[in-house]
Amino acid sequence: MSMYNVTLLGWDDGTFFPLHITAIVCISCSFIASIVVTVLSFKTHKKRFYTWSRSERFVVYLAICEMSFNFVHMFDHVTMVIEKDHVHPLELCQFYAFLMVFLLSIKNFILIVIALNAFLLIRFRRQMDFGIRDWRLCVYVMAFPIIVCTVSVSLQYFGPAGAFCMVKPGLGTLLMTTIPCILIVLVNTTLYLLTWFHIRRVAHQIRSVIGEQAQSGTAYVKAAKTMTMFVAVFTVQWWAVSVYGTWQFITNDVPSIVYIFVVVFTNIGGCLNLIVFINIQKKRRRILALGTNENVQTSRPNDVILSRVKTPFSSDKDKVQTTTATETQHVDQSSA
């Protein structure tokens, strides 16, 4: 069976060019936003990259993945517009699909690592060991995707998908896009909810001792809000793919408007990442300002009181928590 028996979406109903032009515009905006995030990230730091906080490095990693995806995907759409057909030859289409699925998988695994690292840090006061220059992180997020993509190529799962080169419609789309997107949303949401509940519990304990104006308690809540942005960004970008994949598996009669939603939302990842970057930079400036104020004003009374707050980590003999400075450091690192 030919890999090109897939319907060329939009050609019969006249939405072919609007569909691809919309995609090219969204991809261009995302690509520019990713460049802005990467450039500004390095301009706002004078230290070496691997001395940055994890949240700041994560944003750069996500921006690079999105930028690379946009670059490949742009060629995909432009080729289809020029040829007014699927991408030929098949090997080129499969090459596009391989790179795009690989890059998207890396990005999704980074999001899972972010959620897991935040949960471990807040709940157990431990962080994942990424190794020197984050080499373990690279293994975590690249090993499985490269295996999956290689197997998918050998099984002929990659090829024309109707409006671009990706996983061919049918069972492959369900297994490699729809189900993974749903699972990643569920896993990330679960981890962030557990993190949020623990943050709120500790923040409540802190406020009950030193009052509603406790800066540490407020910092916990702000950190939780920052972390949930990653889940929100992923949900916004990939909800349409989940809906379309499920719909297509049930019936091939999917409205064109649904596919337009897929084209728009999946191609604005760089813009969404820019929003997260701006939020983290604002938080970073507030932390620096707070640190300056604390150097001027003594905080010894609050430290003494806070050290008496009981937490789930306290042993029977030693039921005291760390000081405000230590708690704030944990919150700053976990904001990713």
Protein backbone atom coordinates (compact mmCIF):
# COMPACT_ATOMS: atom_id res chain seq x y z
CA MET A 1 0.00 0.00 0.00
CA SER A 2 1.33 3.41 -0.97
CA MET A 3 2.24 5.85 1.80
CA TYR A 4 0.69 8.61 -0.32
CA ASN A 5 -2.90 7.34 -0.13
CA VAL A 6 -3.53 9.94 2.59
CA THR A 7 -5.97 12.72 1.69
CA LEU A 8 -4.35 16.07 1.03
CA LEU A 9 -6.18 18.11 3.64
CA GLY A 10 -7.77 21.35 2.54
CA TRP A 11 -7.41 20.80 -1.20
CA ASP A 12 -11.03 19.82 -1.88
CA ASP A 13 -12.70 22.44 0.34
CA GLY A 14 -10.36 25.32 -0.57
CA THR A 15 -8.65 25.57 2.82
CA PHE A 16 -5.28 24.24 1.64
CA PHE A 17 -3.51 27.58 1.31
CA PRO A 18 -5.14 29.26 4.36
CA LEU A 19 -4.16 26.21 6.40
CA HIS A 20 -0.50 26.26 5.41
CA ILE A 21 -0.17 30.04 5.46
CA THR A 22 -1.59 30.06 8.99
CA ALA A 23 0.90 27.38 9.97
CA ILE A 24 3.83 29.28 8.44
CA VAL A 25 2.84 32.48 10.27
CA CYS A 26 2.50 30.67 13.62
CA ILE A 27 5.79 28.83 13.09
CA SER A 28 7.56 32.10 12.24
CA CYS A 29 6.25 33.77 15.41
CA SER A 30 7.26 30.77 17.50
CA PHE A 31 10.72 30.66 15.92
CA ILE A 32 11.31 34.36 16.58
CA ALA A 33 10.04 34.03 20.17
CA SER A 34 12.42 31.11 20.78
CA ILE A 35 15.34 33.16 19.49
CA VAL A 36 14.34 36.05 21.76
CA VAL A 37 14.19 33.74 24.78
CA THR A 38 17.60 32.22 24.01
CA VAL A 39 19.34 35.53 23.33
CA LEU A 40 17.85 37.34 26.34
CA SER A 41 18.65 34.40 28.60
CA PHE A 42 22.34 34.69 27.80
CA LYS A 43 22.31 38.50 27.88
CA THR A 44 20.80 38.62 31.37
CA HIS A 45 23.50 36.35 32.79
CA LYS A 46 27.19 37.09 33.11
CA LYS A 47 28.04 33.68 34.57
CA ARG A 48 28.54 30.43 32.72
CA PHE A 49 25.44 28.61 31.52
CA TYR A 50 25.70 25.64 33.88
CA THR A 51 25.82 27.93 36.91
CA TRP A 52 22.32 29.22 36.15
CA SER A 53 19.32 28.00 38.10
CA ARG A 54 17.65 24.89 36.76
CA SER A 55 14.47 26.73 35.84
CA GLU A 56 16.44 29.14 33.66
CA ARG A 57 18.34 26.33 31.97
CA PHE A 58 15.12 24.41 31.38
CA VAL A 59 13.60 27.39 29.58
CA VAL A 60 16.62 27.58 27.27
CA TYR A 61 16.46 23.84 26.56
CA LEU A 62 12.77 24.12 25.70
CA ALA A 63 13.43 27.14 23.49
CA ILE A 64 16.16 25.28 21.58
CA CYS A 65 13.87 22.27 21.05
CA GLU A 66 11.05 24.50 19.87
CA MET A 67 13.35 26.50 17.61
CA SER A 68 14.70 23.34 15.99
CA PHE A 69 11.20 21.94 15.56
CA ASN A 70 10.01 25.19 13.96
CA PHE A 71 12.97 25.22 11.58
CA VAL A 72 12.24 21.70 10.28
CA HIS A 73 8.48 22.17 10.27
CA MET A 74 8.80 25.37 8.23
CA PHE A 75 10.49 23.45 5.40
CA ASP A 76 7.71 20.88 5.63
CA HIS A 77 4.89 23.40 5.06
CA VAL A 78 6.77 25.51 2.53
CA THR A 79 7.54 22.40 0.44
CA MET A 80 3.86 21.44 0.39
CA VAL A 81 2.80 24.95 -0.63
CA ILE A 82 5.32 25.00 -3.48
CA GLU A 83 4.46 21.51 -4.73
CA LYS A 84 0.74 21.79 -3.92
CA ASP A 85 0.99 18.20 -2.82
CA HIS A 86 2.54 15.98 -0.15
CA VAL A 87 6.28 16.20 0.38
CA HIS A 88 8.22 14.12 -2.13
CA PRO A 89 10.21 11.94 -2.15
CA LEU A 90 9.00 9.71 0.68
CA GLU A 91 12.44 9.56 2.28
CA LEU A 92 12.48 13.36 2.68
CA CYS A 93 9.03 13.30 4.26
CA GLN A 94 10.11 10.56 6.66
CA PHE A 95 13.24 12.52 7.51
CA TYR A 96 11.13 15.57 8.40
CA ALA A 97 8.80 13.39 10.47
CA PHE A 98 11.69 11.70 12.28
CA LEU A 99 13.27 15.00 13.31
CA MET A 100 9.98 16.60 14.38
CA VAL A 101 8.81 13.64 16.47
CA PHE A 102 12.28 13.33 18.02
CA LEU A 103 12.42 17.02 18.97
CA LEU A 104 8.86 17.07 20.31
CA SER A 105 9.55 13.93 22.36
CA ILE A 106 12.64 15.54 23.90
CA LYS A 107 10.61 18.60 24.84
CA ASN A 108 7.86 16.48 26.40
CA PHE A 109 10.38 14.46 28.41
CA ILE A 110 11.95 17.69 29.66
CA LEU A 111 8.52 18.75 30.93
CA ILE A 112 8.18 15.45 32.79
CA VAL A 113 11.64 15.91 34.31
CA ILE A 114 10.70 19.43 35.41
CA ALA A 115 7.56 18.17 37.15
CA LEU A 116 9.35 15.24 38.79
CA ASN A 117 12.29 17.36 39.94
CA ALA A 118 9.98 19.97 41.46
CA PHE A 119 8.02 17.28 43.31
CA LEU A 120 11.17 15.61 44.70
CA LEU A 121 12.61 18.95 45.77
CA ILE A 122 9.54 20.21 47.58
CA ARG A 123 8.34 16.92 49.06
CA PHE A 124 11.62 15.13 49.89
CA ARG A 125 14.21 17.96 49.76
CA ARG A 126 16.04 16.08 47.01
CA GLN A 127 16.79 16.87 43.39
CA MET A 128 17.49 14.71 40.38
CA ASP A 129 21.19 14.43 39.65
CA PHE A 130 21.74 15.76 36.13
CA GLY A 131 25.49 15.25 36.25
CA ILE A 132 28.25 17.54 35.03
CA ARG A 133 26.96 19.83 32.28
CA ASP A 134 23.56 18.11 32.54
CA TRP A 135 24.80 15.00 30.74
CA ARG A 136 22.41 12.76 32.67
CA LEU A 137 19.52 15.03 31.70
CA CYS A 138 20.48 14.58 28.05
CA VAL A 139 20.41 10.81 28.48
CA TYR A 140 17.04 10.97 30.28
CA VAL A 141 15.32 12.97 27.57
CA MET A 142 17.03 11.64 24.44
CA ALA A 143 17.53 7.90 24.89
CA PHE A 144 13.91 6.74 24.71
CA PRO A 145 12.85 9.14 21.89
CA ILE A 146 15.71 8.06 19.63
CA ILE A 147 14.77 4.40 20.15
CA VAL A 148 11.07 5.05 19.49
CA CYS A 149 11.77 7.12 16.37
CA THR A 150 14.17 4.53 14.96
CA VAL A 151 11.64 1.73 15.49
CA SER A 152 8.87 3.90 13.98
CA VAL A 153 10.90 4.47 10.81
CA SER A 154 11.52 0.75 10.43
CA LEU A 155 7.78 0.07 10.85
CA GLN A 156 6.87 2.75 8.28
CA TYR A 157 4.90 4.81 10.80
CA PHE A 158 6.37 8.08 9.49
CA GLY A 159 5.11 9.70 6.30
CA PRO A 160 2.47 12.08 4.92
CA ALA A 161 -0.18 12.93 7.53
CA GLY A 162 -2.46 15.09 5.41
CA ALA A 163 -1.13 18.57 6.07
CA PHE A 164 2.47 17.82 6.99
CA CYS A 165 4.89 14.95 7.48
CA MET A 166 4.46 13.20 10.80
CA VAL A 167 2.96 9.96 12.04
CA LYS A 168 0.64 8.53 9.39
CA PRO A 169 -3.07 8.57 10.33
CA GLY A 170 -4.56 5.60 12.13
CA LEU A 171 -3.15 3.43 14.90
CA GLY A 172 0.25 5.11 14.71
CA THR A 173 -1.24 8.53 15.44
CA LEU A 174 -3.15 7.14 18.40
CA LEU A 175 -0.11 5.39 19.89
CA MET A 176 2.51 8.07 19.22
CA THR A 177 0.63 11.35 19.62
CA THR A 178 -2.82 11.09 21.19
CA ILE A 179 -2.12 8.66 24.04
CA PRO A 180 1.34 10.12 24.92
CA CYS A 181 -0.09 13.66 25.05
CA ILE A 182 -2.89 12.56 27.38
CA LEU A 183 -0.50 10.57 29.58
CA ILE A 184 2.00 13.42 29.85
CA VAL A 185 -0.75 15.85 30.87
CA LEU A 186 -2.00 13.39 33.51
CA VAL A 187 1.49 12.66 34.90
CA ASN A 188 2.54 16.32 35.02
CA THR A 189 -0.77 17.43 36.51
CA THR A 190 -0.58 14.73 39.21
CA LEU A 191 2.99 15.66 40.16
CA TYR A 192 2.22 19.37 40.26
CA LEU A 193 -0.93 18.85 42.32
CA LEU A 194 1.04 16.82 44.88
CA THR A 195 3.68 19.55 44.92
CA TRP A 196 1.04 22.25 45.28
CA PHE A 197 -0.68 20.53 48.20
CA HIS A 198 2.59 20.13 50.07
CA ILE A 199 3.53 23.76 49.42
CA ARG A 200 0.18 24.99 50.71
CA ARG A 201 0.44 22.82 53.84
CA VAL A 202 3.91 24.09 54.71
CA ALA A 203 2.95 27.68 53.85
CA HIS A 204 -0.06 27.39 56.18
CA GLN A 205 2.21 26.18 58.99
CA ILE A 206 4.57 29.08 58.41
CA ARG A 207 1.81 31.69 58.37
CA SER A 208 0.23 30.25 61.50
CA VAL A 209 3.47 31.01 63.35
CA ILE A 210 4.73 34.30 61.88
CA GLY A 211 1.54 35.75 60.42
CA GLU A 212 -0.03 36.40 57.04
CA GLN A 213 2.79 38.71 55.98
CA ALA A 214 5.33 35.89 55.99
CA GLN A 215 7.51 36.29 52.93
CA SER A 216 8.47 32.63 52.94
CA GLY A 217 4.85 31.47 52.79
CA THR A 218 4.15 33.86 49.95
CA ALA A 219 7.22 32.60 48.11
CA TYR A 220 5.93 29.04 48.28
CA VAL A 221 2.62 29.98 46.71
CA LYS A 222 4.34 32.00 43.98
CA ALA A 223 6.66 29.09 43.24
CA ALA A 224 3.69 26.75 42.88
CA LYS A 225 2.00 29.14 40.47
CA THR A 226 5.18 29.33 38.39
CA MET A 227 5.45 25.54 38.24
CA THR A 228 1.85 25.09 37.11
CA MET A 229 2.57 27.31 34.12
CA PHE A 230 4.54 24.47 32.52
CA VAL A 231 1.49 22.19 32.73
CA ALA A 232 -0.74 24.95 31.40
CA VAL A 233 1.62 25.63 28.48
CA PHE A 234 1.75 21.97 27.50
CA THR A 235 -2.05 21.64 27.75
CA VAL A 236 -2.63 24.73 25.60
CA GLN A 237 -0.19 23.55 22.96
CA TRP A 238 -1.33 19.93 22.67
CA TRP A 239 -5.03 19.73 23.57
CA ALA A 240 -6.02 20.02 19.91
CA VAL A 241 -3.73 17.13 18.90
CA SER A 242 -5.34 14.89 21.51
CA VAL A 243 -8.83 15.80 20.35
CA TYR A 244 -7.99 15.40 16.68
CA GLY A 245 -6.18 12.07 17.16
CA THR A 246 -9.07 10.60 19.14
CA TRP A 247 -11.62 11.92 16.66
CA GLN A 248 -9.68 10.61 13.68
CA PHE A 249 -9.31 7.16 15.23
CA ILE A 250 -13.08 6.93 15.75
CA THR A 251 -14.04 8.37 12.37
CA ASN A 252 -12.17 9.89 9.44
CA ASP A 253 -14.78 12.64 9.11
CA VAL A 254 -13.00 15.29 11.17
CA PRO A 255 -14.10 18.93 10.59
CA SER A 256 -11.49 21.19 9.04
CA ILE A 257 -11.78 23.65 11.92
CA VAL A 258 -10.37 21.02 14.29
CA TYR A 259 -7.29 20.59 12.13
CA ILE A 260 -6.85 24.35 11.94
CA PHE A 261 -6.80 24.36 15.75
CA VAL A 262 -4.11 21.66 15.60
CA VAL A 263 -2.02 23.74 13.18
CA VAL A 264 -2.33 26.91 15.27
CA PHE A 265 -1.78 25.59 18.78
CA THR A 266 0.99 23.09 18.04
CA ASN A 267 3.02 25.78 16.30
CA ILE A 268 2.98 28.48 19.01
CA GLY A 269 5.17 26.65 21.51
CA GLY A 270 7.89 29.29 21.26
CA CYS A 271 5.42 32.05 22.12
CA LEU A 272 4.17 30.10 25.13
CA ASN A 273 7.75 29.47 26.23
CA LEU A 274 8.38 33.22 26.01
CA ILE A 275 5.54 33.78 28.49
CA VAL A 276 7.14 31.35 30.94
CA PHE A 277 10.51 33.06 30.43
CA ILE A 278 9.06 36.49 31.22
CA ASN A 279 7.39 35.11 34.33
CA ILE A 280 10.63 33.54 35.60
CA GLN A 281 12.58 36.74 34.94
CA LYS A 282 10.05 38.77 36.91
CA LYS A 283 10.32 36.30 39.77
CA ARG A 284 14.12 36.44 39.59
CA ARG A 285 14.09 40.23 39.88
CA ARG A 286 11.75 40.04 42.88
CA ILE A 287 14.06 37.54 44.57
CA LEU A 288 17.08 39.77 43.97
CA ALA A 289 15.18 42.76 45.36
CA LEU A 290 14.11 40.70 48.38
CA GLY A 291 17.70 39.62 48.97
CA THR A 292 18.82 43.25 48.91
CA ASN A 293 16.20 44.23 51.46
CA GLU A 294 17.14 41.35 53.73
CA ASN A 295 20.76 42.52 53.74
CA VAL A 296 19.59 45.85 55.13
CA GLN A 297 16.95 44.63 57.58
CA THR A 298 17.64 41.97 60.18
CA SER A 299 15.43 38.93 60.04
CA ARG A 300 16.72 37.11 63.10
CA PRO A 301 13.39 37.08 65.07
CA ASN A 302 11.53 35.47 62.17
CA ASP A 303 14.29 32.90 61.70
CA VAL A 304 14.01 31.86 65.33
CA ILE A 305 10.24 31.54 65.18
CA LEU A 306 10.23 29.75 61.84
CA SER A 307 12.76 27.22 63.09
CA ARG A 308 10.07 25.94 65.45
CA VAL A 309 7.61 25.06 62.70
CA LYS A 310 6.91 21.34 62.68
CA THR A 311 6.96 19.58 59.34
CA PRO A 312 6.34 16.04 58.09
CA PHE A 313 10.13 15.62 57.75
CA SER A 314 10.82 16.11 61.44
CA SER A 315 12.00 13.10 63.41
CA ASP A 316 10.76 12.24 66.90
CA LYS A 317 13.88 13.74 68.48
CA ASP A 318 14.32 16.70 66.16
CA LYS A 319 11.07 18.32 65.03
CA VAL A 320 12.28 21.63 63.74
CA GLN A 321 12.41 22.90 60.19
CA THR A 322 15.14 24.81 58.41
CA THR A 323 15.36 28.56 58.56
CA THR A 324 13.66 31.04 56.27
CA ALA A 325 16.79 31.41 54.17
CA THR A 326 16.97 27.68 53.51
CA GLU A 327 13.28 27.45 52.65
CA THR A 328 13.51 30.36 50.27
CA GLN A 329 16.47 28.72 48.51
CA HIS A 330 14.44 25.53 47.98
CA VAL A 331 11.54 27.54 46.58
CA ASP A 332 13.77 29.44 44.18
CA GLN A 333 15.27 26.23 42.79
CA SER A 334 11.90 24.49 42.51
CA SER A 335 10.15 27.21 40.54
CA ALA A 336 10.84 25.26 37.37
